[in-house]
Amino acid sequence: MLIKRSSADTERALQAMEACQAGAAEGVKGHAEKLLNIFQSDLFQALLVDIQEFYELTVCENQTTSRPNTP
């Protein structure tokens, strides 16, 4: 079972985090802003794609090797 995430899911998560940041205390706002900047960076997005692909390959490999072969 492969898991596919859409960019709409990512955008929704970022919007939720931005909404939480708006109502947060000053110290939390700074930390939330740093996280948002990281999540929105091109490097993070590229790494996220690589991590997702690695995860999917690992899951598929484990599923095919764990199934017993019946003649």
PDB file of N, CA and C in Angstrom:
ATOM      1  N   MET A   1       0.839  -1.172   0.000  1.00  0.00           N
ATOM      2  CA  MET A   1       0.000   0.000   0.000  1.00  0.00           C
ATOM      3  C   MET A   1       0.887   1.240   0.000  1.00  0.00           C
ATOM      4  N   LEU A   2       0.855   1.975  -1.059  1.00  0.00           N
ATOM      5  CA  LEU A   2       1.651   3.188  -1.144  1.00  0.00           C
ATOM      6  C   LEU A   2       0.834   4.362  -0.640  1.00  0.00           C
ATOM      7  N   ILE A   3       1.513   5.257   0.026  1.00  0.00           N
ATOM      8  CA  ILE A   3       0.862   6.440   0.575  1.00  0.00           C
ATOM      9  C   ILE A   3       1.215   7.618  -0.316  1.00  0.00           C
ATOM     10  N   LYS A   4       0.210   8.263  -0.822  1.00  0.00           N
ATOM     11  CA  LYS A   4       0.428   9.436  -1.665  1.00  0.00           C
ATOM     12  C   LYS A   4      -0.111  10.667  -0.957  1.00  0.00           C
ATOM     13  N   ARG A   5       0.699  11.650  -0.860  1.00  0.00           N
ATOM     14  CA  ARG A   5       0.304  12.924  -0.269  1.00  0.00           C
ATOM     15  C   ARG A   5       0.244  13.947  -1.393  1.00  0.00           C
ATOM     16  N   SER A   6      -0.756  14.757  -1.351  1.00  0.00           N
ATOM     17  CA  SER A   6      -0.869  15.788  -2.364  1.00  0.00           C
ATOM     18  C   SER A   6      -0.321  17.106  -1.827  1.00  0.00           C
ATOM     19  N   SER A   7      -0.055  17.998  -2.738  1.00  0.00           N
ATOM     20  CA  SER A   7       0.415  19.309  -2.306  1.00  0.00           C
ATOM     21  C   SER A   7      -0.694  20.050  -1.571  1.00  0.00           C
ATOM     22  N   ALA A   8      -1.953  19.672  -1.839  1.00  0.00           N
ATOM     23  CA  ALA A   8      -3.069  20.285  -1.115  1.00  0.00           C
ATOM     24  C   ALA A   8      -2.999  19.924   0.363  1.00  0.00           C
ATOM     25  N   ASP A   9      -2.608  18.682   0.677  1.00  0.00           N
ATOM     26  CA  ASP A   9      -2.444  18.269   2.079  1.00  0.00           C
ATOM     27  C   ASP A   9      -1.360  19.101   2.742  1.00  0.00           C
ATOM     28  N   THR A  10      -0.273  19.294   2.037  1.00  0.00           N
ATOM     29  CA  THR A  10       0.842  20.072   2.570  1.00  0.00           C
ATOM     30  C   THR A  10       0.413  21.518   2.811  1.00  0.00           C
ATOM     31  N   GLU A  11      -0.283  22.083   1.852  1.00  0.00           N
ATOM     32  CA  GLU A  11      -0.748  23.464   1.988  1.00  0.00           C
ATOM     33  C   GLU A  11      -1.708  23.603   3.163  1.00  0.00           C
ATOM     34  N   ARG A  12      -2.607  22.649   3.324  1.00  0.00           N
ATOM     35  CA  ARG A  12      -3.552  22.681   4.436  1.00  0.00           C
ATOM     36  C   ARG A  12      -2.826  22.618   5.770  1.00  0.00           C
ATOM     37  N   ALA A  13      -1.799  21.784   5.856  1.00  0.00           N
ATOM     38  CA  ALA A  13      -1.022  21.676   7.098  1.00  0.00           C
ATOM     39  C   ALA A  13      -0.302  22.988   7.396  1.00  0.00           C
ATOM     40  N   LEU A  14       0.275  23.599   6.371  1.00  0.00           N
ATOM     41  CA  LEU A  14       0.964  24.879   6.574  1.00  0.00           C
ATOM     42  C   LEU A  14      -0.011  25.969   7.003  1.00  0.00           C
ATOM     43  N   GLN A  15      -1.198  25.976   6.407  1.00  0.00           N
ATOM     44  CA  GLN A  15      -2.201  26.970   6.785  1.00  0.00           C
ATOM     45  C   GLN A  15      -2.644  26.781   8.236  1.00  0.00           C
ATOM     46  N   ALA A  16      -2.792  25.528   8.656  1.00  0.00           N
ATOM     47  CA  ALA A  16      -3.173  25.255  10.040  1.00  0.00           C
ATOM     48  C   ALA A  16      -2.084  25.727  10.990  1.00  0.00           C
ATOM     49  N   MET A  17      -0.840  25.497  10.612  1.00  0.00           N
ATOM     50  CA  MET A  17       0.265  25.933  11.468  1.00  0.00           C
ATOM     51  C   MET A  17       0.336  27.455  11.523  1.00  0.00           C
ATOM     52  N   GLU A  18       0.095  28.122  10.405  1.00  0.00           N
ATOM     53  CA  GLU A  18       0.090  29.584  10.393  1.00  0.00           C
ATOM     54  C   GLU A  18      -1.026  30.127  11.273  1.00  0.00           C
ATOM     55  N   ALA A  19      -2.186  29.468  11.254  1.00  0.00           N
ATOM     56  CA  ALA A  19      -3.308  29.900  12.089  1.00  0.00           C
ATOM     57  C   ALA A  19      -2.967  29.738  13.567  1.00  0.00           C
ATOM     58  N   CYS A  20      -2.318  28.649  13.914  1.00  0.00           N
ATOM     59  CA  CYS A  20      -1.904  28.435  15.311  1.00  0.00           C
ATOM     60  C   CYS A  20      -0.873  29.472  15.736  1.00  0.00           C
ATOM     61  N   GLN A  21       0.014  29.807  14.813  1.00  0.00           N
ATOM     62  CA  GLN A  21       1.057  30.781  15.111  1.00  0.00           C
ATOM     63  C   GLN A  21       0.439  32.146  15.407  1.00  0.00           C
ATOM     64  N   ALA A  22      -0.614  32.490  14.710  1.00  0.00           N
ATOM     65  CA  ALA A  22      -1.233  33.804  14.866  1.00  0.00           C
ATOM     66  C   ALA A  22      -1.748  34.018  16.289  1.00  0.00           C
ATOM     67  N   GLY A  23      -2.239  32.964  16.937  1.00  0.00           N
ATOM     68  CA  GLY A  23      -2.779  33.112  18.281  1.00  0.00           C
ATOM     69  C   GLY A  23      -1.814  32.732  19.385  1.00  0.00           C
ATOM     70  N   ALA A  24      -0.571  32.507  19.042  1.00  0.00           N
ATOM     71  CA  ALA A  24       0.406  32.026  20.027  1.00  0.00           C
ATOM     72  C   ALA A  24       1.101  33.189  20.743  1.00  0.00           C
ATOM     73  N   ALA A  25       1.744  32.848  21.846  1.00  0.00           N
ATOM     74  CA  ALA A  25       2.540  33.824  22.594  1.00  0.00           C
ATOM     75  C   ALA A  25       3.783  34.180  21.782  1.00  0.00           C
ATOM     76  N   GLU A  26       4.422  35.279  22.141  1.00  0.00           N
ATOM     77  CA  GLU A  26       5.572  35.781  21.368  1.00  0.00           C
ATOM     78  C   GLU A  26       6.692  34.753  21.220  1.00  0.00           C
ATOM     79  N   GLY A  27       7.058  34.083  22.291  1.00  0.00           N
ATOM     80  CA  GLY A  27       8.144  33.103  22.216  1.00  0.00           C
ATOM     81  C   GLY A  27       7.808  31.956  21.283  1.00  0.00           C
ATOM     82  N   VAL A  28       6.562  31.534  21.322  1.00  0.00           N
ATOM     83  CA  VAL A  28       6.114  30.441  20.470  1.00  0.00           C
ATOM     84  C   VAL A  28       6.037  30.902  19.016  1.00  0.00           C
ATOM     85  N   LYS A  29       5.650  32.153  18.807  1.00  0.00           N
ATOM     86  CA  LYS A  29       5.547  32.686  17.448  1.00  0.00           C
ATOM     87  C   LYS A  29       6.884  32.614  16.717  1.00  0.00           C
ATOM     88  N   GLY A  30       7.948  32.953  17.425  1.00  0.00           N
ATOM     89  CA  GLY A  30       9.279  32.910  16.816  1.00  0.00           C
ATOM     90  C   GLY A  30       9.666  31.506  16.402  1.00  0.00           C
ATOM     91  N   HIS A  31       9.400  30.544  17.272  1.00  0.00           N
ATOM     92  CA  HIS A  31       9.718  29.148  16.961  1.00  0.00           C
ATOM     93  C   HIS A  31       8.837  28.636  15.821  1.00  0.00           C
ATOM     94  N   ALA A  32       7.561  28.992  15.846  1.00  0.00           N
ATOM     95  CA  ALA A  32       6.641  28.558  14.790  1.00  0.00           C
ATOM     96  C   ALA A  32       7.050  29.154  13.448  1.00  0.00           C
ATOM     97  N   GLU A  33       7.492  30.406  13.466  1.00  0.00           N
ATOM     98  CA  GLU A  33       7.924  31.052  12.219  1.00  0.00           C
ATOM     99  C   GLU A  33       9.151  30.348  11.644  1.00  0.00           C
ATOM    100  N   LYS A  34      10.082  29.967  12.505  1.00  0.00           N
ATOM    101  CA  LYS A  34      11.268  29.243  12.042  1.00  0.00           C
ATOM    102  C   LYS A  34      10.871  27.910  11.407  1.00  0.00           C
ATOM    103  N   LEU A  35       9.952  27.194  12.067  1.00  0.00           N
ATOM    104  CA  LEU A  35       9.487  25.925  11.518  1.00  0.00           C
ATOM    105  C   LEU A  35       8.786  26.115  10.171  1.00  0.00           C
ATOM    106  N   LEU A  36       7.943  27.129  10.091  1.00  0.00           N
ATOM    107  CA  LEU A  36       7.255  27.404   8.828  1.00  0.00           C
ATOM    108  C   LEU A  36       8.249  27.697   7.714  1.00  0.00           C
ATOM    109  N   ASN A  37       9.267  28.484   8.019  1.00  0.00           N
ATOM    110  CA  ASN A  37      10.286  28.796   7.013  1.00  0.00           C
ATOM    111  C   ASN A  37      11.000  27.539   6.542  1.00  0.00           C
ATOM    112  N   ILE A  38      11.286  26.631   7.469  1.00  0.00           N
ATOM    113  CA  ILE A  38      11.940  25.376   7.099  1.00  0.00           C
ATOM    114  C   ILE A  38      11.018  24.537   6.237  1.00  0.00           C
ATOM    115  N   PHE A  39       9.755  24.377   6.673  1.00  0.00           N
ATOM    116  CA  PHE A  39       8.810  23.542   5.933  1.00  0.00           C
ATOM    117  C   PHE A  39       8.522  24.087   4.546  1.00  0.00           C
ATOM    118  N   GLN A  40       8.593  25.392   4.385  1.00  0.00           N
ATOM    119  CA  GLN A  40       8.305  26.008   3.099  1.00  0.00           C
ATOM    120  C   GLN A  40       9.535  26.094   2.194  1.00  0.00           C
ATOM    121  N   SER A  41      10.700  25.714   2.709  1.00  0.00           N
ATOM    122  CA  SER A  41      11.915  25.833   1.909  1.00  0.00           C
ATOM    123  C   SER A  41      11.968  24.764   0.816  1.00  0.00           C
ATOM    124  N   ASP A  42      12.636  25.096  -0.269  1.00  0.00           N
ATOM    125  CA  ASP A  42      12.787  24.160  -1.385  1.00  0.00           C
ATOM    126  C   ASP A  42      13.590  22.930  -0.967  1.00  0.00           C
ATOM    127  N   LEU A  43      14.588  23.130  -0.126  1.00  0.00           N
ATOM    128  CA  LEU A  43      15.406  22.007   0.330  1.00  0.00           C
ATOM    129  C   LEU A  43      14.554  21.006   1.106  1.00  0.00           C
ATOM    130  N   PHE A  44      13.733  21.493   2.019  1.00  0.00           N
ATOM    131  CA  PHE A  44      12.881  20.596   2.798  1.00  0.00           C
ATOM    132  C   PHE A  44      11.911  19.851   1.896  1.00  0.00           C
ATOM    133  N   GLN A  45      11.323  20.553   0.935  1.00  0.00           N
ATOM    134  CA  GLN A  45      10.378  19.907   0.020  1.00  0.00           C
ATOM    135  C   GLN A  45      11.068  18.814  -0.797  1.00  0.00           C
ATOM    136  N   ALA A  46      12.289  19.078  -1.240  1.00  0.00           N
ATOM    137  CA  ALA A  46      13.039  18.070  -1.999  1.00  0.00           C
ATOM    138  C   ALA A  46      13.366  16.867  -1.121  1.00  0.00           C
ATOM    139  N   LEU A  47      13.787  17.131   0.104  1.00  0.00           N
ATOM    140  CA  LEU A  47      14.084  16.029   1.019  1.00  0.00           C
ATOM    141  C   LEU A  47      12.827  15.236   1.353  1.00  0.00           C
ATOM    142  N   LEU A  48      11.719  15.912   1.479  1.00  0.00           N
ATOM    143  CA  LEU A  48      10.466  15.240   1.788  1.00  0.00           C
ATOM    144  C   LEU A  48      10.082  14.260   0.685  1.00  0.00           C
ATOM    145  N   VAL A  49      10.292  14.646  -0.555  1.00  0.00           N
ATOM    146  CA  VAL A  49      10.017  13.750  -1.681  1.00  0.00           C
ATOM    147  C   VAL A  49      10.931  12.534  -1.615  1.00  0.00           C
ATOM    148  N   ASP A  50      12.206  12.751  -1.331  1.00  0.00           N
ATOM    149  CA  ASP A  50      13.150  11.638  -1.223  1.00  0.00           C
ATOM    150  C   ASP A  50      12.790  10.703  -0.064  1.00  0.00           C
ATOM    151  N   ILE A  51      12.403  11.270   1.052  1.00  0.00           N
ATOM    152  CA  ILE A  51      12.012  10.462   2.214  1.00  0.00           C
ATOM    153  C   ILE A  51      10.770   9.640   1.888  1.00  0.00           C
ATOM    154  N   GLN A  52       9.803  10.265   1.230  1.00  0.00           N
ATOM    155  CA  GLN A  52       8.568   9.565   0.851  1.00  0.00           C
ATOM    156  C   GLN A  52       8.873   8.407  -0.096  1.00  0.00           C
ATOM    157  N   GLU A  53       9.727   8.643  -1.088  1.00  0.00           N
ATOM    158  CA  GLU A  53      10.088   7.585  -2.034  1.00  0.00           C
ATOM    159  C   GLU A  53      10.812   6.441  -1.323  1.00  0.00           C
ATOM    160  N   PHE A  54      11.729   6.763  -0.419  1.00  0.00           N
ATOM    161  CA  PHE A  54      12.451   5.740   0.327  1.00  0.00           C
ATOM    162  C   PHE A  54      11.488   4.920   1.168  1.00  0.00           C
ATOM    163  N   TYR A  55      10.564   5.596   1.833  1.00  0.00           N
ATOM    164  CA  TYR A  55       9.571   4.918   2.660  1.00  0.00           C
ATOM    165  C   TYR A  55       8.729   3.964   1.818  1.00  0.00           C
ATOM    166  N   GLU A  56       8.261   4.437   0.677  1.00  0.00           N
ATOM    167  CA  GLU A  56       7.432   3.596  -0.183  1.00  0.00           C
ATOM    168  C   GLU A  56       8.201   2.380  -0.683  1.00  0.00           C
ATOM    169  N   LEU A  57       9.447   2.576  -1.081  1.00  0.00           N
ATOM    170  CA  LEU A  57      10.256   1.445  -1.541  1.00  0.00           C
ATOM    171  C   LEU A  57      10.484   0.443  -0.419  1.00  0.00           C
ATOM    172  N   THR A  58      10.739   0.935   0.773  1.00  0.00           N
ATOM    173  CA  THR A  58      10.973   0.059   1.918  1.00  0.00           C
ATOM    174  C   THR A  58       9.709  -0.734   2.253  1.00  0.00           C
ATOM    175  N   VAL A  59       8.566  -0.077   2.252  1.00  0.00           N
ATOM    176  CA  VAL A  59       7.307  -0.756   2.553  1.00  0.00           C
ATOM    177  C   VAL A  59       7.018  -1.813   1.499  1.00  0.00           C
ATOM    178  N   CYS A  60       7.191  -1.467   0.232  1.00  0.00           N
ATOM    179  CA  CYS A  60       6.936  -2.431  -0.842  1.00  0.00           C
ATOM    180  C   CYS A  60       7.878  -3.618  -0.736  1.00  0.00           C
ATOM    181  N   GLU A  61       9.123  -3.366  -0.452  1.00  0.00           N
ATOM    182  CA  GLU A  61      10.109  -4.438  -0.331  1.00  0.00           C
ATOM    183  C   GLU A  61       9.754  -5.358   0.829  1.00  0.00           C
ATOM    184  N   ASN A  62       9.364  -4.782   1.955  1.00  0.00           N
ATOM    185  CA  ASN A  62       8.996  -5.579   3.121  1.00  0.00           C
ATOM    186  C   ASN A  62       7.732  -6.392   2.873  1.00  0.00           C
ATOM    187  N   GLN A  63       6.803  -5.847   2.119  1.00  0.00           N
ATOM    188  CA  GLN A  63       5.569  -6.565   1.834  1.00  0.00           C
ATOM    189  C   GLN A  63       5.829  -7.755   0.912  1.00  0.00           C
ATOM    190  N   THR A  64       6.724  -7.590  -0.054  1.00  0.00           N
ATOM    191  CA  THR A  64       6.982  -8.690  -0.985  1.00  0.00           C
ATOM    192  C   THR A  64       7.850  -9.761  -0.361  1.00  0.00           C
ATOM    193  N   THR A  65       8.740  -9.400   0.546  1.00  0.00           N
ATOM    194  CA  THR A  65       9.615 -10.407   1.165  1.00  0.00           C
ATOM    195  C   THR A  65       8.944 -11.103   2.337  1.00  0.00           C
ATOM    196  N   SER A  66       7.910 -10.511   2.922  1.00  0.00           N
ATOM    197  CA  SER A  66       7.260 -11.130   4.072  1.00  0.00           C
ATOM    198  C   SER A  66       6.135 -12.073   3.669  1.00  0.00           C
ATOM    199  N   ARG A  67       5.714 -12.039   2.413  1.00  0.00           N
ATOM    200  CA  ARG A  67       4.670 -12.941   1.950  1.00  0.00           C
ATOM    201  C   ARG A  67       5.256 -14.327   1.693  1.00  0.00           C
ATOM    202  N   PRO A  68       4.609 -15.350   2.235  1.00  0.00           N
ATOM    203  CA  PRO A  68       5.108 -16.704   1.975  1.00  0.00           C
ATOM    204  C   PRO A  68       4.811 -17.142   0.539  1.00  0.00           C
ATOM    205  N   ASN A  69       5.742 -17.826  -0.048  1.00  0.00           N
ATOM    206  CA  ASN A  69       5.562 -18.327  -1.400  1.00  0.00           C
ATOM    207  C   ASN A  69       4.850 -19.676  -1.338  1.00  0.00           C
ATOM    208  N   THR A  70       3.676 -19.739  -1.931  1.00  0.00           N
ATOM    209  CA  THR A  70       2.950 -20.990  -1.951  1.00  0.00           C
ATOM    210  C   THR A  70       2.997 -21.573  -3.358  1.00  0.00           C
ATOM    211  N   PRO A  71       3.332 -22.859  -3.476  1.00  0.00           N
ATOM    212  CA  PRO A  71       3.437 -23.453  -4.824  1.00  0.00           C
ATOM    213  C   PRO A  71       2.115 -23.656  -5.496  1.00  0.00           C
TER     214      PRO A  71
END
